[in-house]
N, C-alpha and C. Protein backbone atom coordinates (compact mmCIF):
# COMPACT_ATOMS: atom_id res chain seq x y z
N MET A 1 83.76 80.52 115.72
CA MET A 1 84.15 81.93 114.75
C MET A 1 84.11 82.80 115.52
N LEU A 2 84.36 84.05 115.51
CA LEU A 2 83.65 85.38 116.09
C LEU A 2 84.01 85.82 114.81
N ARG A 3 83.99 87.35 114.53
CA ARG A 3 84.55 88.66 113.47
C ARG A 3 84.51 89.53 114.41
N ILE A 4 85.87 90.23 114.37
CA ILE A 4 85.76 91.93 114.50
C ILE A 4 85.67 92.96 113.11
N GLY A 5 84.97 93.89 113.82
CA GLY A 5 84.43 95.02 113.06
C GLY A 5 85.82 95.52 113.41
N ARG A 6 85.22 97.49 113.11
CA ARG A 6 86.33 97.99 113.02
C ARG A 6 86.69 98.44 113.83
N MET A 7 88.51 99.28 113.92
CA MET A 7 88.86 99.53 114.96
C MET A 7 88.83 101.16 114.88
N LEU A 8 89.08 101.73 115.88
CA LEU A 8 88.60 103.26 115.88
C LEU A 8 90.63 103.82 115.66
N THR A 9 90.15 104.02 114.62
CA THR A 9 92.17 104.47 114.33
C THR A 9 92.36 106.45 114.74
N VAL A 10 91.56 107.27 115.96
CA VAL A 10 91.90 108.75 115.89
C VAL A 10 93.21 108.96 117.18
N GLU A 11 93.12 107.94 117.74
CA GLU A 11 94.08 108.12 118.92
C GLU A 11 95.32 106.91 118.52
N ARG A 12 95.80 106.69 117.59
CA ARG A 12 96.69 105.81 116.80
C ARG A 12 97.93 106.35 118.35
N GLY A 13 98.89 104.74 118.12
CA GLY A 13 100.32 105.11 118.55
C GLY A 13 100.46 104.97 120.49
N LYS A 14 98.65 104.81 120.96
CA LYS A 14 98.38 105.25 122.52
C LYS A 14 98.48 103.91 122.50
N GLY A 15 98.29 102.99 122.13
CA GLY A 15 98.10 101.66 123.21
C GLY A 15 96.86 100.66 123.43
N TYR A 16 95.56 102.27 122.46
CA TYR A 16 94.49 101.86 123.31
C TYR A 16 94.15 100.04 122.17
N ALA A 17 94.68 99.90 121.04
CA ALA A 17 93.56 99.47 120.00
C ALA A 17 94.40 97.84 120.80
N LYS A 18 96.47 98.12 121.16
CA LYS A 18 96.41 96.91 121.49
C LYS A 18 95.85 96.34 122.86
N TYR A 19 95.41 97.30 123.54
CA TYR A 19 94.84 97.03 124.89
C TYR A 19 93.37 96.38 124.30
N LEU A 20 92.65 97.02 123.66
CA LEU A 20 91.03 96.21 123.17
C LEU A 20 91.49 94.80 122.94
N MET A 21 92.24 94.75 121.30
CA MET A 21 92.60 93.44 121.17
C MET A 21 92.82 92.42 122.25
N ALA A 22 92.98 92.51 123.25
CA ALA A 22 93.56 91.48 123.92
C ALA A 22 92.32 91.67 125.29
N ARG A 23 92.00 92.11 124.82
CA ARG A 23 90.48 92.27 125.91
C ARG A 23 89.82 91.02 124.94
N ILE A 24 89.20 91.42 123.65
CA ILE A 24 88.32 90.77 122.94
C ILE A 24 88.88 89.23 122.53
N VAL A 25 90.62 89.24 123.24
CA VAL A 25 91.05 87.84 122.89
C VAL A 25 90.60 87.08 123.80
N ALA A 26 90.99 87.64 125.15
CA ALA A 26 90.17 86.88 126.30
C ALA A 26 88.77 86.78 126.35
N GLU A 27 87.67 87.98 126.51
CA GLU A 27 86.52 87.30 126.48
C GLU A 27 85.81 86.12 124.98
N ALA A 28 86.72 86.41 123.95
CA ALA A 28 86.04 84.91 122.63
C ALA A 28 86.81 83.47 123.26
N ARG A 29 87.81 83.90 123.96
CA ARG A 29 88.57 82.43 124.24
C ARG A 29 87.59 81.99 125.94
N ALA A 30 86.82 83.26 126.35
CA ALA A 30 86.18 82.72 127.31
C ALA A 30 84.99 82.32 127.29
N GLN A 31 84.50 82.67 126.18
CA GLN A 31 83.41 82.17 125.38
C GLN A 31 82.85 80.63 124.69
N GLY A 32 84.47 80.56 124.23
CA GLY A 32 84.20 79.06 123.96
C GLY A 32 84.95 79.51 122.08
N ALA A 33 85.30 80.71 121.89
CA ALA A 33 85.57 80.78 120.37
C ALA A 33 86.83 79.95 120.19
N HIS A 34 87.19 80.04 118.58
CA HIS A 34 88.15 78.90 118.79
C HIS A 34 88.90 79.97 117.74
N ILE A 35 88.96 80.76 116.85
CA ILE A 35 88.83 81.41 115.55
C ILE A 35 88.20 82.77 115.85
N LEU A 36 90.10 83.88 115.83
CA LEU A 36 88.87 85.44 115.13
C LEU A 36 88.96 85.94 114.45
N ARG A 37 88.04 86.19 113.49
CA ARG A 37 88.56 86.63 111.84
C ARG A 37 87.98 88.80 112.05
N LEU A 38 89.15 88.90 111.28
CA LEU A 38 88.96 90.12 110.78
C LEU A 38 89.42 91.05 109.25
N HIS A 39 88.90 91.57 108.78
CA HIS A 39 89.52 92.40 107.66
C HIS A 39 90.07 93.72 107.46
N ALA A 40 91.49 93.46 108.11
CA ALA A 40 92.81 94.69 108.35
C ALA A 40 93.09 95.16 107.10
N GLN A 41 93.12 96.36 107.06
CA GLN A 41 93.12 97.53 105.82
C GLN A 41 94.77 97.42 105.92
N MET A 42 95.18 96.46 104.52
CA MET A 42 96.70 96.31 104.08
C MET A 42 98.25 97.03 105.35
N GLN A 43 97.71 98.13 105.42
CA GLN A 43 98.66 98.90 106.32
C GLN A 43 98.75 98.72 107.79
N ALA A 44 97.51 98.17 107.62
CA ALA A 44 97.15 97.64 109.83
C ALA A 44 97.80 96.44 109.26
N ALA A 45 97.80 95.57 108.46
CA ALA A 45 98.24 94.05 109.26
C ALA A 45 99.50 93.69 109.81
N PRO A 46 100.68 94.28 109.37
CA PRO A 46 102.22 94.19 110.10
C PRO A 46 100.98 93.97 112.05
N PHE A 47 100.40 95.37 112.16
CA PHE A 47 99.92 95.34 113.54
C PHE A 47 99.06 94.36 114.24
N TYR A 48 98.47 93.45 113.12
CA TYR A 48 97.94 91.92 113.78
C TYR A 48 98.44 91.24 113.92
N GLU A 49 99.91 91.24 112.62
CA GLU A 49 100.07 89.88 113.06
C GLU A 49 101.82 89.82 114.23
N HIS A 50 101.67 91.22 114.79
CA HIS A 50 102.32 91.11 116.01
C HIS A 50 101.47 90.19 116.78
N LEU A 51 100.03 90.89 116.75
CA LEU A 51 99.46 89.83 117.81
C LEU A 51 99.33 89.04 117.60
N GLY A 52 99.29 87.78 116.31
CA GLY A 52 99.61 86.56 116.49
C GLY A 52 98.43 85.85 114.79
N PHE A 53 97.61 87.45 114.21
CA PHE A 53 96.79 86.99 112.92
C PHE A 53 97.77 86.76 112.63
N HIS A 54 97.37 86.08 111.53
CA HIS A 54 97.87 85.02 110.26
C HIS A 54 97.01 85.83 109.02
N ALA A 55 97.25 85.74 107.67
CA ALA A 55 96.88 86.03 106.62
C ALA A 55 96.31 84.91 105.51
N VAL A 56 94.89 85.22 105.20
CA VAL A 56 94.48 84.19 104.88
C VAL A 56 93.73 85.00 103.44
N GLY A 57 94.12 84.07 102.21
CA GLY A 57 93.30 84.36 101.57
C GLY A 57 94.43 85.89 100.25
N GLU A 58 93.51 86.34 99.50
CA GLU A 58 94.47 87.33 98.78
C GLU A 58 94.26 88.64 98.98
N PRO A 59 94.25 89.95 99.05
CA PRO A 59 93.79 91.14 98.82
C PRO A 59 92.87 91.34 98.77
N PHE A 60 91.75 92.72 98.97
CA PHE A 60 90.72 93.00 98.87
C PHE A 60 90.92 93.95 98.70
N VAL A 61 89.38 94.78 98.13
CA VAL A 61 89.02 95.77 98.12
C VAL A 61 88.33 96.37 99.40
N GLU A 62 87.52 96.25 99.96
CA GLU A 62 86.70 97.44 101.08
C GLU A 62 86.91 99.27 101.54
N ALA A 63 85.99 98.85 101.16
CA ALA A 63 85.56 101.15 101.58
C ALA A 63 86.76 101.06 101.17
N GLU A 64 86.85 101.03 99.07
CA GLU A 64 87.87 101.58 98.80
C GLU A 64 89.33 101.72 99.19
N LEU A 65 89.78 101.04 100.00
CA LEU A 65 91.42 100.68 100.93
C LEU A 65 91.07 99.43 100.54
N PRO A 66 92.71 99.12 100.13
CA PRO A 66 93.06 97.61 100.40
C PRO A 66 92.89 97.06 101.47
N HIS A 67 92.15 95.60 101.84
CA HIS A 67 92.46 94.47 102.28
C HIS A 67 92.73 93.60 102.51
N ILE A 68 92.83 92.76 103.53
CA ILE A 68 93.93 91.51 104.26
C ILE A 68 92.65 89.95 105.08
N THR A 69 92.17 89.53 104.98
CA THR A 69 91.00 89.26 105.71
C THR A 69 92.33 88.66 106.79
N MET A 70 92.84 88.02 107.92
CA MET A 70 93.00 87.16 109.15
C MET A 70 92.75 87.39 110.15
N GLU A 71 92.98 85.77 110.34
CA GLU A 71 92.76 84.66 111.45
C GLU A 71 94.10 84.94 112.81
N LEU A 72 93.01 84.40 113.70
CA LEU A 72 94.11 84.03 115.00
C LEU A 72 93.35 83.35 115.55
N SER A 73 94.00 81.82 115.70
CA SER A 73 93.72 80.96 116.07
C SER A 73 93.62 80.89 117.97
N LEU A 74 92.41 80.48 118.52
CA LEU A 74 92.67 80.34 119.95
C LEU A 74 92.83 78.94 120.90
């Protein structure tokens, strides 16, 4: 299992995050990972769901913002 850290959010709507996530998924697969895990801000959860991630557990607060753990099976 690999864990993804923070995503840059300054340039939203330009496709950078989607491109970066595709590269991360491809590299994780190449390294033999079976699961990717991240802590998504609740407002960003639909973006990750669109990429195939699913919520795991209950929402929680991190850095004073509501988050949810999300996973993608590779």
